[in-house]
């Protein structure tokens, strides 16, 4: 049995290193504990793509399976979070393509944003506008603003140069601005 209390008193990097040593030896419980450590983070990302609890959970389940089946390919023990995030994003994008529809925001969807002083209607319009973005722009917006990630972290996760991430963020913000200004959402 793993001493999880001892492990979780450490930082994310130490947790990953400790559990990855056990995972590399085939310890499934260590893998499960690492996933439990990141469950809210993973759910938040999956949900921001599909806006549906069941679909988000399906994406997490499929991503978890893919990660377990390919854990041997992870070379650096301290980048599990980035690695699983990349798997999750690709799984979410594939899921959306497979469904071949855009999932719209409904009245039961909880809002992820912290209190920011903008109205619920404005938040809903923003969610709808994000859904209209190209997948590459949607990914950087979700990672940057929904998960408060640094550009360097996004670069690692998406395996793209930092300048590319900066350009995609700029273009994503411009696209969002155009969508919201031109009132595409009320059509």
Protein backbone atom coordinates (compact mmCIF):
# COMPACT_ATOMS: atom_id res chain seq x y z
CA UNK A 1 0.00 0.00 0.00
CA UNK A 2 1.36 3.41 -0.96
CA UNK A 3 1.70 6.10 1.69
CA UNK A 4 -0.31 8.68 -0.23
CA UNK A 5 -0.49 11.23 2.60
CA UNK A 6 3.29 11.35 2.59
CA UNK A 7 3.38 11.72 -1.18
CA UNK A 8 0.70 14.44 -1.40
CA UNK A 9 2.51 16.64 1.08
CA UNK A 10 5.11 17.14 -1.67
CA UNK A 11 4.83 19.29 -4.78
CA UNK A 12 3.46 18.05 -8.13
CA UNK A 13 6.92 17.27 -9.53
CA UNK A 14 7.91 15.19 -6.51
CA UNK A 15 4.55 13.37 -6.59
CA UNK A 16 5.02 12.55 -10.26
CA UNK A 17 8.60 11.36 -9.75
CA UNK A 18 7.70 9.19 -6.76
CA UNK A 19 4.66 7.60 -8.41
CA UNK A 20 6.30 7.27 -11.84
CA UNK A 21 9.05 5.11 -10.34
CA UNK A 22 6.35 2.76 -9.09
CA UNK A 23 4.34 2.97 -12.32
CA UNK A 24 7.38 2.04 -14.43
CA UNK A 25 7.59 -1.14 -12.36
CA UNK A 26 3.96 -1.92 -13.31
CA UNK A 27 2.26 -0.63 -10.16
CA UNK A 28 -1.31 0.09 -11.27
CA UNK A 29 -2.24 1.56 -7.87
CA UNK A 30 0.43 4.25 -8.30
CA UNK A 31 -1.01 5.07 -11.74
CA UNK A 32 -4.51 5.35 -10.26
CA UNK A 33 -3.20 7.61 -7.47
CA UNK A 34 -1.52 9.90 -9.97
CA UNK A 35 -4.75 10.14 -11.95
CA UNK A 36 -6.69 10.86 -8.75
CA UNK A 37 -4.23 13.66 -8.02
CA UNK A 38 -5.04 15.28 -11.40
CA UNK A 39 -8.73 14.30 -11.70
CA UNK A 40 -10.19 17.80 -11.28
CA UNK A 41 -7.63 19.28 -13.65
CA UNK A 42 -8.36 16.62 -16.30
CA UNK A 43 -12.12 16.92 -15.89
CA UNK A 44 -11.97 20.70 -16.24
CA UNK A 45 -10.12 20.43 -19.55
CA UNK A 46 -12.33 17.65 -20.94
CA UNK A 47 -15.50 19.48 -19.90
CA UNK A 48 -14.33 22.74 -21.46
CA UNK A 49 -14.20 20.92 -24.80
CA UNK A 50 -17.53 19.08 -24.77
CA UNK A 51 -19.67 20.93 -22.18
CA UNK A 52 -21.24 17.65 -21.10
CA UNK A 53 -20.50 15.68 -17.92
CA UNK A 54 -20.91 12.21 -19.42
CA UNK A 55 -18.89 13.02 -22.52
CA UNK A 56 -16.12 14.58 -20.42
CA UNK A 57 -16.00 11.46 -18.26
CA UNK A 58 -15.87 9.28 -21.39
CA UNK A 59 -12.96 11.33 -22.70
CA UNK A 60 -11.13 10.99 -19.39
CA UNK A 61 -11.74 7.24 -19.36
CA UNK A 62 -10.47 6.81 -22.91
CA UNK A 63 -7.46 9.04 -22.19
CA UNK A 64 -6.66 7.06 -19.06
CA UNK A 65 -6.75 3.81 -21.01
CA UNK A 66 -4.49 5.25 -23.72
CA UNK A 67 -2.09 6.55 -21.08
CA UNK A 68 -1.91 3.21 -19.26
CA UNK A 69 -1.34 1.33 -22.52
CA UNK A 70 1.44 3.73 -23.53
CA UNK A 71 3.02 4.58 -20.17
CA UNK A 72 6.20 2.82 -21.29
CA UNK A 73 6.70 5.54 -23.93
CA UNK A 74 6.95 8.28 -21.29
CA UNK A 75 10.66 8.89 -20.95
CA UNK A 76 10.81 11.83 -18.52
CA UNK A 77 9.22 10.90 -15.20
CA UNK A 78 8.44 14.52 -14.31
CA UNK A 79 6.24 15.41 -17.29
CA UNK A 80 3.29 13.09 -16.68
CA UNK A 81 0.87 16.01 -16.30
CA UNK A 82 1.85 17.48 -19.67
CA UNK A 83 1.82 14.07 -21.31
CA UNK A 84 -1.64 13.09 -20.03
CA UNK A 85 -2.96 16.55 -20.91
CA UNK A 86 -1.79 16.14 -24.49
CA UNK A 87 -3.48 12.73 -24.69
CA UNK A 88 -6.67 14.22 -23.21
CA UNK A 89 -6.77 17.15 -25.64
CA UNK A 90 -6.22 14.89 -28.64
CA UNK A 91 -8.90 12.50 -27.37
CA UNK A 92 -11.33 15.41 -26.86
CA UNK A 93 -10.68 16.77 -30.36
CA UNK A 94 -11.14 13.31 -31.87
CA UNK A 95 -14.34 12.85 -29.87
CA UNK A 96 -15.73 16.13 -31.20
CA UNK A 97 -14.77 15.19 -34.76
CA UNK A 98 -16.37 11.77 -34.34
CA UNK A 99 -19.57 13.31 -33.06
CA UNK A 100 -19.33 15.76 -35.98
CA UNK A 101 -21.27 18.40 -34.17
CA UNK A 102 -20.58 21.31 -31.91
CA UNK A 103 -21.96 20.80 -28.44
CA UNK A 104 -23.71 23.96 -27.41
CA UNK A 105 -23.94 25.41 -23.95
CA UNK A 106 -27.23 24.62 -22.25
CA UNK A 107 -28.94 26.03 -19.16
CA UNK A 108 -27.55 23.27 -16.90
CA UNK A 109 -23.91 23.96 -17.73
CA UNK A 110 -21.98 25.30 -14.76
CA UNK A 111 -19.77 28.28 -15.45
CA UNK A 112 -16.08 27.73 -14.91
CA UNK A 113 -14.97 31.33 -14.67
CA UNK A 114 -14.15 32.93 -11.37
CA UNK A 115 -16.33 35.89 -10.43
CA UNK A 116 -15.25 38.55 -12.84
CA UNK A 117 -18.06 41.04 -12.81
CA UNK A 118 -19.46 40.07 -16.20
CA UNK A 119 -23.00 38.86 -16.64
CA UNK A 120 -24.05 35.26 -17.16
CA UNK A 121 -25.24 36.16 -20.66
CA UNK A 122 -21.79 37.49 -21.52
CA UNK A 123 -20.19 34.32 -20.18
CA UNK A 124 -22.55 32.18 -22.25
CA UNK A 125 -21.72 34.24 -25.35
CA UNK A 126 -18.03 33.75 -24.63
CA UNK A 127 -18.46 29.97 -24.30
CA UNK A 128 -20.34 29.86 -27.58
CA UNK A 129 -17.68 31.99 -29.25
CA UNK A 130 -14.93 29.65 -27.98
CA UNK A 131 -16.84 26.71 -29.47
CA UNK A 132 -16.65 28.44 -32.88
CA UNK A 133 -12.84 28.68 -32.80
CA UNK A 134 -10.56 26.37 -34.77
CA UNK A 135 -9.41 23.44 -32.56
CA UNK A 136 -5.82 24.72 -32.32
CA UNK A 137 -7.04 28.12 -31.09
CA UNK A 138 -9.57 26.55 -28.76
CA UNK A 139 -6.82 24.46 -27.15
CA UNK A 140 -4.57 27.40 -26.35
CA UNK A 141 -7.46 29.52 -25.04
CA UNK A 142 -8.69 26.72 -22.77
CA UNK A 143 -5.23 25.95 -21.41
CA UNK A 144 -4.29 29.60 -20.92
CA UNK A 145 -7.47 31.11 -19.50
CA UNK A 146 -9.43 28.19 -18.05
CA UNK A 147 -6.42 26.51 -16.45
CA UNK A 148 -4.17 29.52 -15.80
CA UNK A 149 -1.21 27.91 -17.57
CA UNK A 150 1.92 29.73 -18.60
CA UNK A 151 2.82 29.90 -22.27
CA UNK A 152 5.83 27.65 -21.62
CA UNK A 153 3.58 24.95 -20.14
CA UNK A 154 1.18 25.17 -23.08
CA UNK A 155 4.18 24.88 -25.42
CA UNK A 156 5.28 21.69 -23.65
CA UNK A 157 1.80 20.16 -23.66
CA UNK A 158 1.03 20.91 -27.31
CA UNK A 159 4.63 20.26 -28.36
CA UNK A 160 4.80 23.57 -30.24
CA UNK A 161 7.34 26.40 -30.08
CA UNK A 162 6.60 29.21 -27.63
CA UNK A 163 6.29 31.77 -30.44
CA UNK A 164 3.70 29.58 -32.17
CA UNK A 165 1.67 29.48 -28.95
CA UNK A 166 1.91 33.27 -28.65
CA UNK A 167 0.72 33.70 -32.24
CA UNK A 168 -2.13 31.22 -31.74
CA UNK A 169 -3.22 33.03 -28.55
CA UNK A 170 -3.17 36.36 -30.36
CA UNK A 171 -5.17 34.98 -33.29
CA UNK A 172 -7.59 33.21 -30.96
CA UNK A 173 -8.25 36.46 -29.07
CA UNK A 174 -8.71 38.31 -32.36
CA UNK A 175 -11.14 35.65 -33.59
CA UNK A 176 -13.07 35.78 -30.34
CA UNK A 177 -13.22 39.54 -30.55
CA UNK A 178 -14.53 39.39 -34.13
CA UNK A 179 -17.10 36.74 -33.27
CA UNK A 180 -18.37 38.71 -30.31
CA UNK A 181 -18.32 42.08 -32.14
CA UNK A 182 -20.04 40.85 -35.27
CA UNK A 183 -22.80 39.22 -33.24
CA UNK A 184 -22.50 35.82 -34.94
CA UNK A 185 -24.00 34.27 -31.84
CA UNK A 186 -27.45 35.78 -32.25
CA UNK A 187 -27.88 34.44 -35.78
